[in-house]
Protein backbone atom coordinates (compact mmCIF):
# COMPACT_ATOMS: atom_id res chain seq x y z
CA MET A 1 -0.65 118.54 380.50
CA THR A 2 1.15 118.84 377.18
CA GLU A 3 -0.09 122.41 376.70
CA SER A 4 1.12 123.27 380.19
CA LEU A 5 4.61 121.92 379.45
CA ILE A 6 4.72 123.83 376.17
CA GLY A 7 3.74 127.01 378.02
CA VAL A 8 6.48 126.49 380.63
CA ARG A 9 9.08 125.81 377.93
CA GLY A 10 7.94 128.90 376.02
CA ARG A 11 8.34 131.10 379.09
CA ARG A 12 11.77 129.63 379.79
CA THR A 13 12.82 130.25 376.19
CA LYS A 14 11.64 133.86 376.34
CA SER A 15 13.42 134.35 379.65
CA LEU A 16 16.63 132.85 378.22
CA VAL A 17 16.47 135.05 375.12
CA LEU A 18 15.79 138.16 377.20
CA THR A 19 18.64 137.36 379.61
CA THR A 20 21.02 136.74 376.71
CA ALA A 21 20.04 140.03 375.05
CA ILE A 22 20.53 141.96 378.31
CA ALA A 23 23.91 140.30 378.90
CA ALA A 24 25.02 141.12 375.33
CA GLY A 25 23.92 144.73 375.76
CA ALA A 26 25.81 144.97 379.06
CA VAL A 27 28.98 143.64 377.41
CA VAL A 28 28.69 146.15 374.57
CA MET A 29 28.23 149.05 377.02
CA LEU A 30 31.04 147.93 379.33
CA LEU A 31 33.54 147.23 376.54
CA PRO A 32 34.66 150.89 376.13
CA PHE A 33 35.18 151.19 379.89
CA TYR A 34 37.22 147.97 379.88
CA TRP A 35 39.34 149.32 377.03
CA LEU A 36 39.86 152.53 379.03
CA ILE A 37 41.17 150.51 381.98
CA ILE A 38 43.51 148.52 379.71
CA ALA A 39 44.74 151.70 377.99
CA THR A 40 45.84 153.19 381.31
CA THR A 41 48.34 150.35 381.73
CA TYR A 42 50.24 150.96 378.47
CA PRO A 43 52.49 153.79 377.25
CA SER A 44 51.03 156.15 374.68
CA ARG A 45 52.74 154.51 371.70
CA GLU A 46 51.23 151.07 372.49
CA ILE A 47 47.63 152.06 373.23
CA PHE A 48 46.52 151.94 369.60
CA ALA A 49 48.52 148.84 368.71
CA SER A 50 47.12 146.38 366.18
CA PRO A 51 45.88 143.88 367.23
CA PRO A 52 44.57 145.77 370.29
CA ASN A 53 45.77 144.93 373.76
CA VAL A 54 43.23 142.96 375.80
CA LEU A 55 45.31 142.27 378.92
CA PRO A 56 46.73 144.82 381.39
CA GLY A 57 50.24 146.14 380.79
CA PRO A 58 53.01 147.36 383.13
CA ALA A 59 52.82 151.15 382.64
CA PHE A 60 49.95 152.29 384.89
CA PHE A 61 52.13 153.78 387.62
CA ASP A 62 54.39 155.42 385.00
CA ASN A 63 51.33 157.07 383.46
CA LEU A 64 50.06 158.09 386.89
CA SER A 65 53.36 159.62 387.99
CA GLY A 66 53.70 161.42 384.67
CA LEU A 67 50.17 162.78 384.98
CA LEU A 68 50.79 164.09 388.49
CA SER A 69 54.16 165.61 387.55
CA ASP A 70 53.13 167.20 384.23
CA THR A 71 49.88 168.68 385.54
CA LEU A 72 48.35 169.74 388.85
CA PHE A 73 45.89 166.87 388.55
CA GLY A 74 45.69 166.23 392.28
CA ARG A 75 44.71 169.88 392.76
CA ALA A 76 42.21 169.53 389.90
CA ILE A 77 40.56 166.57 391.63
CA GLY A 78 40.26 168.59 394.83
CA ASN A 79 38.80 171.54 392.92
CA SER A 80 36.23 169.35 391.18
CA VAL A 81 35.20 167.61 394.41
CA LEU A 82 34.81 170.93 396.23
CA VAL A 83 32.95 172.71 393.44
CA ALA A 84 30.67 169.77 392.59
CA SER A 85 29.85 169.06 396.25
CA VAL A 86 29.03 172.67 397.16
CA TYR A 87 27.09 173.11 393.92
CA THR A 88 25.08 169.95 394.62
CA LEU A 89 24.17 171.00 398.17
CA LEU A 90 23.19 174.55 397.22
CA GLY A 91 21.44 173.36 394.08
CA LEU A 92 19.33 170.94 396.11
CA VAL A 93 18.24 173.80 398.37
CA VAL A 94 17.34 176.11 395.47
CA CYS A 95 15.62 173.49 393.29
CA THR A 96 13.59 171.92 396.11
CA ALA A 97 12.47 175.32 397.42
CA ALA A 98 11.46 176.46 393.93
CA GLY A 99 9.74 173.16 393.19
CA TYR A 100 7.81 173.37 396.45
CA ALA A 101 6.68 176.92 395.67
CA PHE A 102 5.50 175.97 392.19
CA ALA A 103 3.76 172.81 393.42
CA LYS A 104 2.02 174.00 396.59
CA PHE A 105 1.68 177.79 396.55
CA GLU A 106 -0.93 179.77 394.63
CA PHE A 107 0.39 183.12 393.43
CA ARG A 108 -0.17 185.39 390.48
CA GLY A 109 1.82 184.47 387.41
CA ARG A 110 2.81 181.03 388.72
CA ASN A 111 2.05 179.19 385.48
CA VAL A 112 3.71 181.85 383.34
CA LEU A 113 6.83 181.79 385.48
CA PHE A 114 6.98 177.99 385.45
CA GLY A 115 6.52 178.05 381.68
CA ALA A 116 9.50 180.39 381.45
CA VAL A 117 11.54 177.87 383.46
CA LEU A 118 10.55 175.11 381.05
CA VAL A 119 11.45 177.26 378.04
CA THR A 120 15.01 177.61 379.34
CA LEU A 121 15.37 173.82 379.03
CA ALA A 122 15.39 174.30 375.26
CA LEU A 123 18.17 176.91 375.34
CA PRO A 124 21.69 175.57 374.69
CA SER A 125 24.23 176.56 377.29
CA GLN A 126 26.34 178.31 374.64
CA VAL A 127 23.67 181.01 374.36
CA THR A 128 24.39 182.28 377.87
CA LEU A 129 28.17 181.78 377.71
CA VAL A 130 29.10 185.32 376.63
CA PRO A 131 26.65 187.12 378.99
CA LEU A 132 27.85 185.00 381.91
CA PHE A 133 31.47 185.78 381.08
CA GLN A 134 30.71 189.50 381.01
CA ILE A 135 28.94 189.26 384.37
CA MET A 136 31.90 187.41 385.89
CA VAL A 137 34.29 190.08 384.58
CA THR A 138 32.11 192.85 386.03
CA LEU A 139 31.94 191.15 389.43
CA GLY A 140 35.64 190.32 389.43
CA TRP A 141 34.91 186.61 389.77
CA LEU A 142 37.12 185.23 387.02
CA ASP A 143 39.22 182.29 388.19
CA THR A 144 37.17 181.81 391.37
CA TYR A 145 35.02 179.02 392.78
CA GLN A 146 31.89 181.16 393.01
CA ALA A 147 32.04 181.76 389.26
CA LEU A 148 31.58 178.01 388.77
CA ILE A 149 29.02 177.41 391.52
CA LEU A 150 26.55 180.30 391.63
CA PRO A 151 25.36 180.99 388.05
CA ASN A 152 23.59 177.66 387.42
CA LEU A 153 22.17 176.80 390.85
CA ALA A 154 18.56 177.10 389.68
CA LEU A 155 18.78 174.15 387.29
CA PRO A 156 15.53 174.14 385.25
CA PHE A 157 15.37 170.34 385.10
CA GLY A 158 15.85 170.14 388.87
CA ILE A 159 13.01 172.60 389.49
CA PHE A 160 10.79 170.66 387.10
CA LEU A 161 11.62 167.31 388.73
CA MET A 162 10.96 168.54 392.26
CA ARG A 163 7.75 170.33 391.27
CA GLN A 164 6.38 167.19 389.62
CA THR A 165 7.35 165.05 392.60
CA MET A 166 5.96 167.41 395.24
CA GLN A 167 2.62 167.63 393.48
CA ALA A 168 2.08 164.02 394.61
CA VAL A 169 2.30 165.06 398.28
CA PRO A 170 -1.32 165.36 399.56
CA ASP A 171 -2.36 168.93 400.29
CA GLU A 172 -4.48 167.64 403.17
CA LEU A 173 -1.35 166.37 404.95
CA LEU A 174 0.31 169.80 404.73
CA GLN A 175 -2.87 171.56 405.78
CA ALA A 176 -3.22 169.31 408.83
CA ALA A 177 0.35 170.14 409.88
CA ARG A 178 -0.37 173.87 409.54
CA VAL A 179 -3.52 173.52 411.64
CA ASP A 180 -1.44 171.81 414.34
CA GLY A 181 0.75 174.89 414.50
CA ALA A 182 3.66 173.89 412.27
CA GLY A 183 5.34 176.76 410.44
CA GLU A 184 5.96 176.66 406.72
CA PHE A 185 9.64 175.83 407.11
CA ARG A 186 8.81 172.96 409.47
CA VAL A 187 6.19 171.63 407.06
CA PHE A 188 8.73 171.77 404.27
CA SER A 189 11.62 170.21 406.18
CA ARG A 190 9.78 167.65 408.34
CA ILE A 191 7.00 166.48 406.01
CA VAL A 192 7.74 167.31 402.38
CA LEU A 193 11.47 166.57 402.18
CA PRO A 194 11.33 163.08 403.79
CA THR A 195 8.46 162.22 401.43
CA VAL A 196 10.45 163.12 398.30
CA ARG A 197 13.76 161.63 399.43
CA PRO A 198 14.16 159.38 396.32
CA ALA A 199 13.72 162.39 394.03
CA LEU A 200 16.30 164.29 396.10
CA ALA A 201 18.81 161.48 395.56
CA ALA A 202 18.12 161.50 391.81
CA LEU A 203 18.50 165.27 391.67
CA ALA A 204 21.74 165.10 393.66
CA ILE A 205 23.21 162.77 391.04
CA PHE A 206 22.08 165.04 388.19
CA LEU A 207 23.52 168.14 389.85
CA PHE A 208 26.82 166.47 390.72
CA LEU A 209 27.22 165.08 387.20
CA ALA A 210 26.32 168.39 385.60
CA GLN A 211 29.06 170.20 387.53
CA TRP A 212 31.61 167.38 387.49
CA ASN A 213 31.50 167.02 383.68
CA GLU A 214 31.19 170.74 382.84
CA PHE A 215 33.98 171.76 380.46
CA VAL A 216 33.22 174.75 378.23
CA TYR A 217 32.16 177.22 380.93
CA PRO A 218 35.07 176.45 383.32
CA LEU A 219 37.44 176.68 380.35
CA VAL A 220 36.19 180.22 379.74
CA VAL A 221 36.25 181.58 383.31
CA LEU A 222 39.29 179.78 384.75
CA ARG A 223 42.73 181.23 384.14
CA THR A 224 45.39 179.44 386.21
CA PRO A 225 46.24 175.70 386.51
CA GLU A 226 45.75 175.94 390.28
CA SER A 227 42.02 176.54 389.78
CA PHE A 228 41.43 174.05 386.92
CA THR A 229 38.77 171.37 387.33
CA ILE A 230 39.31 167.84 386.01
CA PRO A 231 37.92 168.34 382.45
CA VAL A 232 40.00 171.50 381.94
CA SER A 233 43.10 169.83 383.39
CA LEU A 234 42.65 166.84 381.06
CA ALA A 235 42.25 169.18 378.10
CA SER A 236 45.63 170.73 378.92
CA LEU A 237 47.25 167.33 378.20
CA GLN A 238 46.28 167.57 374.53
CA GLY A 239 49.09 169.38 372.79
CA ILE A 240 49.18 170.80 369.28
CA GLY A 241 51.68 168.25 368.00
CA THR A 242 51.59 165.32 370.43
CA THR A 243 49.29 163.99 373.11
CA ASP A 244 50.28 161.56 375.85
CA TYR A 245 47.28 159.26 375.65
CA GLY A 246 48.55 157.10 378.49
CA GLN A 247 48.32 160.02 380.90
CA LEU A 248 45.05 161.18 379.32
CA MET A 249 43.43 157.77 379.77
CA THR A 250 44.70 157.53 383.35
CA GLY A 251 43.24 160.92 384.20
CA THR A 252 39.96 159.99 382.55
CA LEU A 253 39.75 156.79 384.58
CA LEU A 254 40.41 158.68 387.83
CA SER A 255 37.68 161.18 386.92
CA VAL A 256 35.13 158.40 386.33
CA LEU A 257 35.65 156.52 389.60
CA PRO A 258 33.91 159.04 391.93
CA ILE A 259 30.89 159.05 389.62
CA LEU A 260 30.66 155.25 389.74
CA VAL A 261 30.88 155.26 393.53
CA LEU A 262 28.18 157.93 393.80
CA PHE A 263 25.85 156.16 391.39
CA LEU A 264 26.28 152.75 393.03
CA PHE A 265 25.59 154.28 396.43
CA LEU A 266 22.43 156.09 395.28
CA GLN A 267 21.30 153.74 392.50
CA ARG A 268 18.12 152.53 394.22
CA HIS A 269 17.07 156.06 395.17
CA PHE A 270 17.99 157.33 391.69
CA VAL A 271 15.63 154.93 389.90
CA ALA A 272 12.85 155.52 392.42
CA GLY A 273 13.27 159.30 392.10
CA ILE A 274 13.07 159.24 388.31
CA LEU A 275 9.89 157.14 388.44
CA ALA A 276 8.39 159.38 391.10
CA GLY A 277 8.97 162.50 389.03
CA ALA A 278 7.79 160.96 385.78
CA VAL A 279 4.09 160.98 386.64
CA LYS A 280 2.17 164.12 387.47
CA GLN A 281 -0.60 163.46 389.94
């Protein structure tokens, strides 16, 4: 009886310690975001006051109106939403089709080609920056949406994730559908895609984030404020001599909110998709 009580108390103590550690970690991770929210409510000169401000101030709407009047930030939000959404949809099509081909089709050079895809994961994006710029100049695509959307549709990580996930789909199930007269597109759309839905949600988040947060490449190919995305528009607020940090923090907060909504909406599928793609069967 005594040993049983000691065991119960030990488990409760471990659970309490673990819960406390998780709560402390959550506070540490959320503290910068809380400071960002507070900073949006103060003018630039008061953001870095000592001691720091911990309660909201009165200047949020002043910062917001200044941001919208000094930059085309509303247009930048629309550009980012359009580019990221179209890129995500087209990227899902390309990555799932490529992953399905690598996972379920036997063709000459498949392993070599997939190895080449994996090798590109190790290449920094700066390596392809100049060649991509030259291609955009040749095609006349500078300062256009297609220059942002088309070059990186075949995301190597997305192809890898979908290939690993689709390898878990039984070949016998696909073969039975083919015997029943289903075409390859119907097998892919009616059997494979519903099976890998969690991985699709995870990939959608990765693709959306990759395009939404992209800064260097849009900075190179975009020319006019009317076509700026959010990161480029925020960068234009940083002057050589002075920077209005109130407006900068407000714009940063507005750029984070769609990502939070997307992640909260797809959180369960995101975790399931990562776990599904982590194990090769």
